[in-house]
Structures are given as structure tokens and as C-alpha cells.
PDB file of N, CA and C in Angstrom:
ATOM      1  N   UNK A   1      81.509 104.338  49.142  1.00  0.00           N
ATOM      2  CA  UNK A   1      80.402 103.868  49.889  1.00  0.00           C
ATOM      3  C   UNK A   1      79.180 104.068  49.163  1.00  0.00           C
ATOM      4  N   UNK A   2      78.542 103.424  48.803  1.00  0.00           N
ATOM      5  CA  UNK A   2      77.356 103.819  48.262  1.00  0.00           C
ATOM      6  C   UNK A   2      76.101 104.189  49.241  1.00  0.00           C
ATOM      7  N   UNK A   3      75.002 104.497  48.795  1.00  0.00           N
ATOM      8  CA  UNK A   3      73.759 105.100  49.546  1.00  0.00           C
ATOM      9  C   UNK A   3      73.533 103.887  50.553  1.00  0.00           C
ATOM     10  N   UNK A   4      73.209 102.925  49.684  1.00  0.00           N
ATOM     11  CA  UNK A   4      72.346 101.544  50.403  1.00  0.00           C
ATOM     12  C   UNK A   4      73.073 101.153  51.380  1.00  0.00           C
ATOM     13  N   UNK A   5      74.396 100.806  51.109  1.00  0.00           N
ATOM     14  CA  UNK A   5      75.331 100.554  52.393  1.00  0.00           C
ATOM     15  C   UNK A   5      75.391 101.409  53.619  1.00  0.00           C
ATOM     16  N   UNK A   6      75.434 102.607  53.219  1.00  0.00           N
ATOM     17  CA  UNK A   6      75.348 103.670  54.486  1.00  0.00           C
ATOM     18  C   UNK A   6      74.026 103.301  55.141  1.00  0.00           C
ATOM     19  N   UNK A   7      72.753 103.170  54.224  1.00  0.00           N
ATOM     20  CA  UNK A   7      71.555 103.219  55.272  1.00  0.00           C
ATOM     21  C   UNK A   7      71.575 101.592  55.846  1.00  0.00           C
ATOM     22  N   UNK A   8      71.881 100.845  55.264  1.00  0.00           N
ATOM     23  CA  UNK A   8      72.072  99.220  56.046  1.00  0.00           C
ATOM     24  C   UNK A   8      73.198  99.371  56.910  1.00  0.00           C
ATOM     25  N   UNK A   9      73.988 100.465  57.338  1.00  0.00           N
ATOM     26  CA  UNK A   9      75.133 100.446  58.300  1.00  0.00           C
ATOM     27  C   UNK A   9      74.582 100.446  59.620  1.00  0.00           C
ATOM     28  N   UNK A  10      74.535  99.561  60.380  1.00  0.00           N
ATOM     29  CA  UNK A  10      73.981  99.994  62.024  1.00  0.00           C
ATOM     30  C   UNK A  10      74.591  99.968  62.966  1.00  0.00           C
ATOM     31  N   UNK A  11      74.735 101.039  63.609  1.00  0.00           N
ATOM     32  CA  UNK A  11      75.925 101.134  64.962  1.00  0.00           C
ATOM     33  C   UNK A  11      74.927 100.034  65.863  1.00  0.00           C
ATOM     34  N   UNK A  12      76.573  99.470  66.728  1.00  0.00           N
ATOM     35  CA  UNK A  12      76.065  98.614  67.770  1.00  0.00           C
ATOM     36  C   UNK A  12      75.569  99.099  69.192  1.00  0.00           C
ATOM     37  N   UNK A  13      74.606  98.817  69.751  1.00  0.00           N
ATOM     38  CA  UNK A  13      73.703  99.706  70.625  1.00  0.00           C
ATOM     39  C   UNK A  13      74.624  99.160  72.156  1.00  0.00           C
ATOM     40  N   UNK A  14      74.501 100.008  72.761  1.00  0.00           N
ATOM     41  CA  UNK A  14      75.428 100.833  73.731  1.00  0.00           C
ATOM     42  C   UNK A  14      75.389  99.872  74.988  1.00  0.00           C
ATOM     43  N   UNK A  15      73.978  99.445  75.049  1.00  0.00           N
ATOM     44  CA  UNK A  15      73.639  98.822  76.293  1.00  0.00           C
ATOM     45  C   UNK A  15      73.494  97.324  75.828  1.00  0.00           C
ATOM     46  N   UNK A  16      73.954  96.449  75.050  1.00  0.00           N
ATOM     47  CA  UNK A  16      73.989  95.154  74.373  1.00  0.00           C
ATOM     48  C   UNK A  16      72.503  94.630  73.801  1.00  0.00           C
ATOM     49  N   UNK A  17      71.542  95.385  74.027  1.00  0.00           N
ATOM     50  CA  UNK A  17      69.918  95.209  73.449  1.00  0.00           C
ATOM     51  C   UNK A  17      70.289  95.254  72.248  1.00  0.00           C
ATOM     52  N   UNK A  18      69.332  94.368  71.124  1.00  0.00           N
ATOM     53  CA  UNK A  18      69.221  94.470  69.890  1.00  0.00           C
ATOM     54  C   UNK A  18      67.974  95.467  69.403  1.00  0.00           C
ATOM     55  N   UNK A  19      68.921  96.653  68.553  1.00  0.00           N
ATOM     56  CA  UNK A  19      67.909  97.734  68.300  1.00  0.00           C
ATOM     57  C   UNK A  19      67.503  97.355  66.664  1.00  0.00           C
ATOM     58  N   UNK A  20      66.331  97.747  66.649  1.00  0.00           N
ATOM     59  CA  UNK A  20      65.838  97.412  65.365  1.00  0.00           C
ATOM     60  C   UNK A  20      65.403  98.539  64.288  1.00  0.00           C
ATOM     61  N   UNK A  21      65.708  99.856  64.846  1.00  0.00           N
ATOM     62  CA  UNK A  21      65.449 101.019  64.213  1.00  0.00           C
ATOM     63  C   UNK A  21      66.022 101.114  62.479  1.00  0.00           C
ATOM     64  N   UNK A  22      67.125 100.785  62.555  1.00  0.00           N
ATOM     65  CA  UNK A  22      68.080 100.941  60.981  1.00  0.00           C
ATOM     66  C   UNK A  22      67.562  99.961  60.324  1.00  0.00           C
ATOM     67  N   UNK A  23      67.225  98.681  60.851  1.00  0.00           N
ATOM     68  CA  UNK A  23      66.563  97.763  59.522  1.00  0.00           C
ATOM     69  C   UNK A  23      65.208  97.921  59.056  1.00  0.00           C
ATOM     70  N   UNK A  24      64.444  98.483  60.089  1.00  0.00           N
ATOM     71  CA  UNK A  24      63.204  99.029  59.414  1.00  0.00           C
ATOM     72  C   UNK A  24      63.342 100.091  58.287  1.00  0.00           C
ATOM     73  N   UNK A  25      63.974 100.711  58.780  1.00  0.00           N
ATOM     74  CA  UNK A  25      64.380 102.002  57.482  1.00  0.00           C
ATOM     75  C   UNK A  25      64.926 101.169  56.520  1.00  0.00           C
ATOM     76  N   UNK A  26      65.691 100.428  56.573  1.00  0.00           N
ATOM     77  CA  UNK A  26      66.018  99.481  55.185  1.00  0.00           C
ATOM     78  C   UNK A  26      65.368  98.737  54.597  1.00  0.00           C
ATOM     79  N   UNK A  27      64.798  98.442  55.337  1.00  0.00           N
ATOM     80  CA  UNK A  27      63.529  97.209  54.950  1.00  0.00           C
ATOM     81  C   UNK A  27      62.487  97.979  53.987  1.00  0.00           C
ATOM     82  N   UNK A  28      61.885  99.375  54.847  1.00  0.00           N
ATOM     83  CA  UNK A  28      61.089  99.985  53.835  1.00  0.00           C
ATOM     84  C   UNK A  28      61.434 100.386  52.764  1.00  0.00           C
ATOM     85  N   UNK A  29      62.924 100.920  52.648  1.00  0.00           N
ATOM     86  CA  UNK A  29      63.191 101.393  51.269  1.00  0.00           C
ATOM     87  C   UNK A  29      63.541 100.418  50.296  1.00  0.00           C
ATOM     88  N   UNK A  30      63.820  99.332  50.970  1.00  0.00           N
ATOM     89  CA  UNK A  30      63.761  98.125  49.940  1.00  0.00           C
ATOM     90  C   UNK A  30      62.402  97.606  49.127  1.00  0.00           C
ATOM     91  N   UNK A  31      61.364  97.829  50.192  1.00  0.00           N
ATOM     92  CA  UNK A  31      60.044  97.763  49.411  1.00  0.00           C
ATOM     93  C   UNK A  31      59.805  98.769  48.673  1.00  0.00           C
ATOM     94  N   UNK A  32      60.040 100.009  48.820  1.00  0.00           N
ATOM     95  CA  UNK A  32      59.352 100.799  47.826  1.00  0.00           C
ATOM     96  C   UNK A  32      60.436 100.789  46.824  1.00  0.00           C
ATOM     97  N   UNK A  33      61.626 100.546  47.021  1.00  0.00           N
ATOM     98  CA  UNK A  33      62.368 100.186  45.439  1.00  0.00           C
ATOM     99  C   UNK A  33      61.705  99.151  44.687  1.00  0.00           C
ATOM    100  N   UNK A  34      61.430  98.092  45.347  1.00  0.00           N
ATOM    101  CA  UNK A  34      60.867  97.088  44.373  1.00  0.00           C
ATOM    102  C   UNK A  34      59.506  97.304  43.861  1.00  0.00           C
ATOM    103  N   UNK A  35      58.500  97.957  44.600  1.00  0.00           N
ATOM    104  CA  UNK A  35      57.450  98.635  43.952  1.00  0.00           C
ATOM    105  C   UNK A  35      57.580  99.405  42.774  1.00  0.00           C
ATOM    106  N   UNK A  36      58.806 100.211  42.826  1.00  0.00           N
ATOM    107  CA  UNK A  36      59.219 101.236  41.817  1.00  0.00           C
ATOM    108  C   UNK A  36      59.779 100.496  40.573  1.00  0.00           C
ATOM    109  N   UNK A  37      60.638  99.651  40.736  1.00  0.00           N
ATOM    110  CA  UNK A  37      61.105  98.807  39.759  1.00  0.00           C
ATOM    111  C   UNK A  37      59.908  98.011  38.904  1.00  0.00           C
ATOM    112  N   UNK A  38      58.943  97.212  40.049  1.00  0.00           N
ATOM    113  CA  UNK A  38      58.370  96.516  39.092  1.00  0.00           C
ATOM    114  C   UNK A  38      57.260  97.499  38.755  1.00  0.00           C
ATOM    115  N   UNK A  39      56.772  98.582  39.002  1.00  0.00           N
ATOM    116  CA  UNK A  39      56.221  99.525  38.213  1.00  0.00           C
ATOM    117  C   UNK A  39      57.075  99.712  37.100  1.00  0.00           C
ATOM    118  N   UNK A  40      58.201 100.476  36.814  1.00  0.00           N
ATOM    119  CA  UNK A  40      58.883 100.499  35.751  1.00  0.00           C
ATOM    120  C   UNK A  40      58.997  99.945  34.748  1.00  0.00           C
ATOM    121  N   UNK A  41      59.285  98.298  34.909  1.00  0.00           N
ATOM    122  CA  UNK A  41      59.704  97.609  34.030  1.00  0.00           C
ATOM    123  C   UNK A  41      58.093  96.511  33.740  1.00  0.00           C
ATOM    124  N   UNK A  42      57.050  96.470  34.521  1.00  0.00           N
ATOM    125  CA  UNK A  42      56.135  95.586  33.903  1.00  0.00           C
ATOM    126  C   UNK A  42      54.461  96.700  34.100  1.00  0.00           C
ATOM    127  N   UNK A  43      54.405  96.971  34.711  1.00  0.00           N
ATOM    128  CA  UNK A  43      53.024  98.112  34.978  1.00  0.00           C
ATOM    129  C   UNK A  43      52.940  98.843  33.882  1.00  0.00           C
ATOM    130  N   UNK A  44      54.266 100.037  34.181  1.00  0.00           N
ATOM    131  CA  UNK A  44      53.831 101.184  32.687  1.00  0.00           C
ATOM    132  C   UNK A  44      54.121 100.491  31.246  1.00  0.00           C
ATOM    133  N   UNK A  45      55.045  99.620  30.707  1.00  0.00           N
ATOM    134  CA  UNK A  45      54.816  99.480  29.551  1.00  0.00           C
ATOM    135  C   UNK A  45      53.740  98.416  29.206  1.00  0.00           C
ATOM    136  N   UNK A  46      53.130  98.107  30.003  1.00  0.00           N
ATOM    137  CA  UNK A  46      51.546  97.189  29.722  1.00  0.00           C
ATOM    138  C   UNK A  46      50.670  98.171  29.489  1.00  0.00           C
ATOM    139  N   UNK A  47      50.431  99.570  30.288  1.00  0.00           N
ATOM    140  CA  UNK A  47      49.520 100.734  30.142  1.00  0.00           C
ATOM    141  C   UNK A  47      49.980 101.164  29.093  1.00  0.00           C
ATOM    142  N   UNK A  48      51.032 101.470  28.672  1.00  0.00           N
ATOM    143  CA  UNK A  48      51.334 102.263  27.123  1.00  0.00           C
ATOM    144  C   UNK A  48      51.043 101.351  25.927  1.00  0.00           C
ATOM    145  N   UNK A  49      51.313 100.027  26.332  1.00  0.00           N
ATOM    146  CA  UNK A  49      50.906  99.154  24.973  1.00  0.00           C
ATOM    147  C   UNK A  49      48.754  99.115  24.998  1.00  0.00           C
ATOM    148  N   UNK A  50      48.775  99.479  26.208  1.00  0.00           N
ATOM    149  CA  UNK A  50      46.971  99.326  26.224  1.00  0.00           C
ATOM    150  C   UNK A  50      46.543 100.433  25.483  1.00  0.00           C
ATOM    151  N   UNK A  51      47.248 101.528  25.641  1.00  0.00           N
ATOM    152  CA  UNK A  51      46.788 102.720  24.973  1.00  0.00           C
ATOM    153  C   UNK A  51      46.994 102.818  23.486  1.00  0.00           C
ATOM    154  N   UNK A  52      48.216 102.151  23.102  1.00  0.00           N
ATOM    155  CA  UNK A  52      48.157 102.233  21.836  1.00  0.00           C
ATOM    156  C   UNK A  52      47.129 101.453  20.807  1.00  0.00           C
ATOM    157  N   UNK A  53      46.929 100.057  21.676  1.00  0.00           N
ATOM    158  CA  UNK A  53      45.626  98.948  21.153  1.00  0.00           C
ATOM    159  C   UNK A  53      44.477 100.172  21.321  1.00  0.00           C
ATOM    160  N   UNK A  54      43.648 100.652  22.258  1.00  0.00           N
ATOM    161  CA  UNK A  54      42.753 101.604  22.102  1.00  0.00           C
ATOM    162  C   UNK A  54      42.704 102.406  21.110  1.00  0.00           C
ATOM    163  N   UNK A  55      43.978 103.275  20.716  1.00  0.00           N
ATOM    164  CA  UNK A  55      43.813 103.887  19.915  1.00  0.00           C
ATOM    165  C   UNK A  55      43.795 103.837  18.344  1.00  0.00           C
ATOM    166  N   UNK A  56      44.556 102.169  18.011  1.00  0.00           N
ATOM    167  CA  UNK A  56      44.570 101.578  16.925  1.00  0.00           C
ATOM    168  C   UNK A  56      43.087 101.187  16.569  1.00  0.00           C
ATOM    169  N   UNK A  57      41.878 100.749  17.919  1.00  0.00           N
ATOM    170  CA  UNK A  57      40.569 100.434  17.610  1.00  0.00           C
ATOM    171  C   UNK A  57      40.068 101.712  17.403  1.00  0.00           C
ATOM    172  N   UNK A  58      39.773 102.469  17.910  1.00  0.00           N
ATOM    173  CA  UNK A  58      39.069 104.213  17.850  1.00  0.00           C
ATOM    174  C   UNK A  58      39.066 104.418  16.160  1.00  0.00           C
ATOM    175  N   UNK A  59      40.603 104.255  15.901  1.00  0.00           N
ATOM    176  CA  UNK A  59      41.023 104.806  14.202  1.00  0.00           C
ATOM    177  C   UNK A  59      40.985 103.850  13.094  1.00  0.00           C
ATOM    178  N   UNK A  60      40.155 102.852  13.473  1.00  0.00           N
ATOM    179  CA  UNK A  60      39.694 101.632  12.087  1.00  0.00           C
ATOM    180  C   UNK A  60      38.750 102.350  11.678  1.00  0.00           C
ATOM    181  N   UNK A  61      39.187 102.207  10.080  1.00  0.00           N
ATOM    182  CA  UNK A  61      38.395 102.804   8.884  1.00  0.00           C
ATOM    183  C   UNK A  61      38.070 101.460   8.275  1.00  0.00           C
ATOM    184  N   UNK A  62      37.280 101.775   6.986  1.00  0.00           N
ATOM    185  CA  UNK A  62      36.720 100.853   6.084  1.00  0.00           C
ATOM    186  C   UNK A  62      38.064 100.269   5.050  1.00  0.00           C
ATOM    187  N   UNK A  63      38.435  99.410   4.865  1.00  0.00           N
ATOM    188  CA  UNK A  63      39.379  98.920   4.282  1.00  0.00           C
ATOM    189  C   UNK A  63      40.650  98.635   4.920  1.00  0.00           C
ATOM    190  N   UNK A  64      40.876  98.902   6.180  1.00  0.00           N
ATOM    191  CA  UNK A  64      41.840  98.575   7.151  1.00  0.00           C
ATOM    192  C   UNK A  64      41.936  96.844   6.968  1.00  0.00           C
ATOM    193  N   UNK A  65      43.391  96.619   6.645  1.00  0.00           N
ATOM    194  CA  UNK A  65      43.749  94.775   7.286  1.00  0.00           C
ATOM    195  C   UNK A  65      44.023  94.757   8.232  1.00  0.00           C
ATOM    196  N   UNK A  66      43.310  93.898   8.784  1.00  0.00           N
ATOM    197  CA  UNK A  66      43.519  93.631  10.203  1.00  0.00           C
ATOM    198  C   UNK A  66      43.349  92.239  10.587  1.00  0.00           C
ATOM    199  N   UNK A  67      44.416  91.828  11.813  1.00  0.00           N
ATOM    200  CA  UNK A  67      44.377  90.546  12.280  1.00  0.00           C
ATOM    201  C   UNK A  67      43.477  90.109  14.051  1.00  0.00           C
ATOM    202  N   UNK A  68      42.867  89.169  13.719  1.00  0.00           N
ATOM    203  CA  UNK A  68      41.773  88.930  15.021  1.00  0.00           C
ATOM    204  C   UNK A  68      42.861  88.518  15.840  1.00  0.00           C
ATOM    205  N   UNK A  69      42.519  88.295  17.445  1.00  0.00           N
ATOM    206  CA  UNK A  69      43.102  87.597  18.321  1.00  0.00           C
ATOM    207  C   UNK A  69      43.342  86.089  17.777  1.00  0.00           C
ATOM    208  N   UNK A  70      42.431  85.416  17.368  1.00  0.00           N
ATOM    209  CA  UNK A  70      42.272  83.907  16.953  1.00  0.00           C
ATOM    210  C   UNK A  70      43.490  83.718  15.378  1.00  0.00           C
ATOM    211  N   UNK A  71      43.693  84.787  15.153  1.00  0.00           N
ATOM    212  CA  UNK A  71      44.681  85.079  13.824  1.00  0.00           C
ATOM    213  C   UNK A  71      44.009  85.041  12.546  1.00  0.00           C
ATOM    214  N   UNK A  72      42.684  85.211  12.499  1.00  0.00           N
ATOM    215  CA  UNK A  72      41.892  85.543  10.889  1.00  0.00           C
ATOM    216  C   UNK A  72      42.383  86.780  10.491  1.00  0.00           C
ATOM    217  N   UNK A  73      42.914  86.833   9.464  1.00  0.00           N
ATOM    218  CA  UNK A  73      42.993  87.899   8.469  1.00  0.00           C
ATOM    219  C   UNK A  73      41.770  88.511   7.819  1.00  0.00           C
ATOM    220  N   UNK A  74      41.917  89.494   7.603  1.00  0.00           N
ATOM    221  CA  UNK A  74      40.858  89.849   6.776  1.00  0.00           C
ATOM    222  C   UNK A  74      40.778  91.517   6.631  1.00  0.00           C
ATOM    223  N   UNK A  75      40.060  92.026   6.011  1.00  0.00           N
ATOM    224  CA  UNK A  75      39.457  93.691   5.630  1.00  0.00           C
ATOM    225  C   UNK A  75      38.373  94.071   5.928  1.00  0.00           C
ATOM    226  N   UNK A  76      38.404  95.222   6.727  1.00  0.00           N
ATOM    227  CA  UNK A  76      37.241  95.770   7.404  1.00  0.00           C
ATOM    228  C   UNK A  76      36.261  96.560   6.773  1.00  0.00           C
ATOM    229  N   UNK A  77      35.106  95.734   6.785  1.00  0.00           N
ATOM    230  CA  UNK A  77      34.124  96.373   5.791  1.00  0.00           C
ATOM    231  C   UNK A  77      32.877  97.431   6.517  1.00  0.00           C
ATOM    232  N   UNK A  78      32.815  97.143   7.617  1.00  0.00           N
ATOM    233  CA  UNK A  78      31.615  98.276   8.265  1.00  0.00           C
ATOM    234  C   UNK A  78      32.343  98.200  10.113  1.00  0.00           C
ATOM    235  N   UNK A  79      31.914  99.443  10.222  1.00  0.00           N
ATOM    236  CA  UNK A  79      32.557  99.593  11.704  1.00  0.00           C
ATOM    237  C   UNK A  79      31.121 100.006  12.620  1.00  0.00           C
ATOM    238  N   UNK A  80      30.816  99.011  13.490  1.00  0.00           N
ATOM    239  CA  UNK A  80      29.867  99.425  14.556  1.00  0.00           C
ATOM    240  C   UNK A  80      29.919 100.392  15.691  1.00  0.00           C
ATOM    241  N   UNK A  81      29.592 100.094  16.891  1.00  0.00           N
ATOM    242  CA  UNK A  81      29.622 100.506  18.040  1.00  0.00           C
ATOM    243  C   UNK A  81      30.818  99.784  18.734  1.00  0.00           C
ATOM    244  N   UNK A  82      30.579  98.478  19.206  1.00  0.00           N
ATOM    245  CA  UNK A  82      31.526  97.511  19.582  1.00  0.00           C
ATOM    246  C   UNK A  82      31.920  96.470  18.661  1.00  0.00           C
ATOM    247  N   UNK A  83      31.271  96.329  17.609  1.00  0.00           N
ATOM    248  CA  UNK A  83      31.659  95.440  16.750  1.00  0.00           C
ATOM    249  C   UNK A  83      32.047  95.930  15.216  1.00  0.00           C
ATOM    250  N   UNK A  84      32.751  94.867  14.584  1.00  0.00           N
ATOM    251  CA  UNK A  84      33.318  94.998  13.364  1.00  0.00           C
ATOM    252  C   UNK A  84      33.028  94.259  12.325  1.00  0.00           C
ATOM    253  N   UNK A  85      32.656  94.434  11.115  1.00  0.00           N
ATOM    254  CA  UNK A  85      32.033  93.450   9.909  1.00  0.00           C
ATOM    255  C   UNK A  85      33.768  93.315   9.212  1.00  0.00           C
ATOM    256  N   UNK A  86      34.050  91.976   8.843  1.00  0.00           N
ATOM    257  CA  UNK A  86      35.219  91.705   8.234  1.00  0.00           C
ATOM    258  C   UNK A  86      35.298  90.898   7.316  1.00  0.00           C
ATOM    259  N   UNK A  87      35.869  91.125   5.788  1.00  0.00           N
ATOM    260  CA  UNK A  87      35.719  90.391   4.659  1.00  0.00           C
ATOM    261  C   UNK A  87      36.608  89.363   4.881  1.00  0.00           C
ATOM    262  N   UNK A  88      36.777  88.131   5.469  1.00  0.00           N
ATOM    263  CA  UNK A  88      38.195  87.145   5.077  1.00  0.00           C
ATOM    264  C   UNK A  88      38.089  86.531   4.098  1.00  0.00           C
ATOM    265  N   UNK A  89      37.073  86.602   2.798  1.00  0.00           N
ATOM    266  CA  UNK A  89      37.448  86.049   1.808  1.00  0.00           C
ATOM    267  C   UNK A  89      36.183  86.570   0.955  1.00  0.00           C
ATOM    268  N   UNK A  90      36.592  86.295  -0.641  1.00  0.00           N
ATOM    269  CA  UNK A  90      35.335  86.928  -1.383  1.00  0.00           C
ATOM    270  C   UNK A  90      33.971  86.473  -0.935  1.00  0.00           C
ATOM    271  N   UNK A  91      32.857  87.640  -0.921  1.00  0.00           N
ATOM    272  CA  UNK A  91      31.818  87.295  -0.360  1.00  0.00           C
ATOM    273  C   UNK A  91      31.678  86.425   1.138  1.00  0.00           C
ATOM    274  N   UNK A  92      32.872  86.499   1.723  1.00  0.00           N
ATOM    275  CA  UNK A  92      32.574  85.528   3.339  1.00  0.00           C
ATOM    276  C   UNK A  92      33.089  86.738   4.336  1.00  0.00           C
ATOM    277  N   UNK A  93      31.860  87.179   4.768  1.00  0.00           N
ATOM    278  CA  UNK A  93      31.474  88.377   5.979  1.00  0.00           C
ATOM    279  C   UNK A  93      31.452  88.075   7.190  1.00  0.00           C
ATOM    280  N   UNK A  94      32.401  88.254   8.566  1.00  0.00           N
ATOM    281  CA  UNK A  94      32.137  87.891   9.812  1.00  0.00           C
ATOM    282  C   UNK A  94      31.975  89.194  10.336  1.00  0.00           C
ATOM    283  N   UNK A  95      31.195  89.007  11.759  1.00  0.00           N
ATOM    284  CA  UNK A  95      31.360  89.846  12.601  1.00  0.00           C
ATOM    285  C   UNK A  95      32.111  89.460  13.742  1.00  0.00           C
ATOM    286  N   UNK A  96      33.154  90.423  14.254  1.00  0.00           N
ATOM    287  CA  UNK A  96      33.758  90.181  15.697  1.00  0.00           C
ATOM    288  C   UNK A  96      33.799  91.765  16.309  1.00  0.00           C
ATOM    289  N   UNK A  97      34.022  91.244  17.592  1.00  0.00           N
ATOM    290  CA  UNK A  97      34.279  92.017  18.528  1.00  0.00           C
ATOM    291  C   UNK A  97      35.060  93.239  18.449  1.00  0.00           C
ATOM    292  N   UNK A  98      35.535  94.639  18.559  1.00  0.00           N
ATOM    293  CA  UNK A  98      36.351  95.116  18.190  1.00  0.00           C
ATOM    294  C   UNK A  98      37.767  94.896  19.098  1.00  0.00           C
ATOM    295  N   UNK A  99      37.639  94.295  20.228  1.00  0.00           N
ATOM    296  CA  UNK A  99      38.658  94.287  21.339  1.00  0.00           C
ATOM    297  C   UNK A  99      39.496  92.840  20.778  1.00  0.00           C
ATOM    298  N   UNK A 100      38.544  92.219  20.171  1.00  0.00           N
ATOM    299  CA  UNK A 100      39.415  90.921  19.300  1.00  0.00           C
ATOM    300  C   UNK A 100      40.459  91.420  17.848  1.00  0.00           C
ATOM    301  N   UNK A 101      40.394  92.494  17.707  1.00  0.00           N
ATOM    302  CA  UNK A 101      41.180  93.087  16.942  1.00  0.00           C
ATOM    303  C   UNK A 101      42.771  93.336  17.534  1.00  0.00           C
ATOM    304  N   UNK A 102      43.853  93.034  16.766  1.00  0.00           N
ATOM    305  CA  UNK A 102      45.144  93.018  17.311  1.00  0.00           C
ATOM    306  C   UNK A 102      46.192  93.590  16.646  1.00  0.00           C
ATOM    307  N   UNK A 103      45.924  93.668  15.040  1.00  0.00           N
ATOM    308  CA  UNK A 103      47.240  94.288  14.242  1.00  0.00           C
ATOM    309  C   UNK A 103      46.480  95.043  13.206  1.00  0.00           C
ATOM    310  N   UNK A 104      47.130  95.812  12.415  1.00  0.00           N
ATOM    311  CA  UNK A 104      46.687  96.666  11.143  1.00  0.00           C
ATOM    312  C   UNK A 104      47.428  96.364  10.238  1.00  0.00           C
ATOM    313  N   UNK A 105      47.621  95.678   8.913  1.00  0.00           N
ATOM    314  CA  UNK A 105      48.369  95.492   8.008  1.00  0.00           C
ATOM    315  C   UNK A 105      48.238  96.629   6.788  1.00  0.00           C
ATOM    316  N   UNK A 106      47.471  97.500   6.944  1.00  0.00           N
ATOM    317  CA  UNK A 106      47.283  98.440   5.936  1.00  0.00           C
ATOM    318  C   UNK A 106      48.412  98.627   4.967  1.00  0.00           C
ATOM    319  N   UNK A 107      49.431  99.133   5.838  1.00  0.00           N
ATOM    320  CA  UNK A 107      50.571  99.787   5.229  1.00  0.00           C
ATOM    321  C   UNK A 107      51.313  98.591   4.573  1.00  0.00           C
ATOM    322  N   UNK A 108      51.169  97.671   5.430  1.00  0.00           N
ATOM    323  CA  UNK A 108      52.465  96.324   5.101  1.00  0.00           C
ATOM    324  C   UNK A 108      52.108  95.939   3.511  1.00  0.00           C
ATOM    325  N   UNK A 109      53.320  95.489   3.204  1.00  0.00           N
ATOM    326  CA  UNK A 109      53.148  94.943   1.482  1.00  0.00           C
ATOM    327  C   UNK A 109      53.014  93.047   2.048  1.00  0.00           C
ATOM    328  N   UNK A 110      52.191  92.393   1.257  1.00  0.00           N
ATOM    329  CA  UNK A 110      52.232  91.171   1.331  1.00  0.00           C
ATOM    330  C   UNK A 110      52.939  90.911   0.220  1.00  0.00           C
ATOM    331  N   UNK A 111      53.263  89.435   0.303  1.00  0.00           N
ATOM    332  CA  UNK A 111      54.112  88.506  -0.115  1.00  0.00           C
ATOM    333  C   UNK A 111      53.323  87.706  -1.186  1.00  0.00           C
TER     334      UNK A 111
END
């Protein structure tokens, strides 16, 4: 007999009336377990991913090869407080928000 079965088992009331004390306990336990599972599988990984992205954006340096959210590949030329100048082709520079940078390809080999 597992723990949840033990908690869900309710003795029959002696006077014939329906008692709700056991079911309220099991209901609260199920709600807590639901939130715990939701936190473990949804919220926690998203927070971890967000911290990695923040770290990536803080550690940007000139010469890093990056990709924007829109799929534009380029090389970092200049870094400002909230923006980054990216060279996407020889002599073609664009300025993008730091939050729009999603990947770093500095170490990846290009074919």
C-alpha cells in the first residue's frame, strides 16, 4: 500500500453522515503535488535558461559571432549599454538590442 492510497482511504462514518475531513486533506496534498511538479518541469528550467541567456549577453565581446531572434547572423563590432552593433556583411552594420541576441557561434566551425 503506497502513501497516497493510505491518505485517500477514509473510514466510514459511524452515524451515517458523510464526513469530508479525509478528502480535504487528500485534495490539498494533490494541489501541492501539482504545483511542485509544475515548478520542477516548467518554471525551474525556464529560469535556468533565462540566467544562461543573461550571462551570455553580459559576456559579449567584440568579434563574437551571434544570431538575433530574427535569424540575422553577424559579428559583434561594438557593445553599448543596451545595444550592440553587428556587422552582417562587409561594410554593413546594424544596431540591435542586446535582448534580441540569442546564440554565440564564436567557437563553432562554419562549413
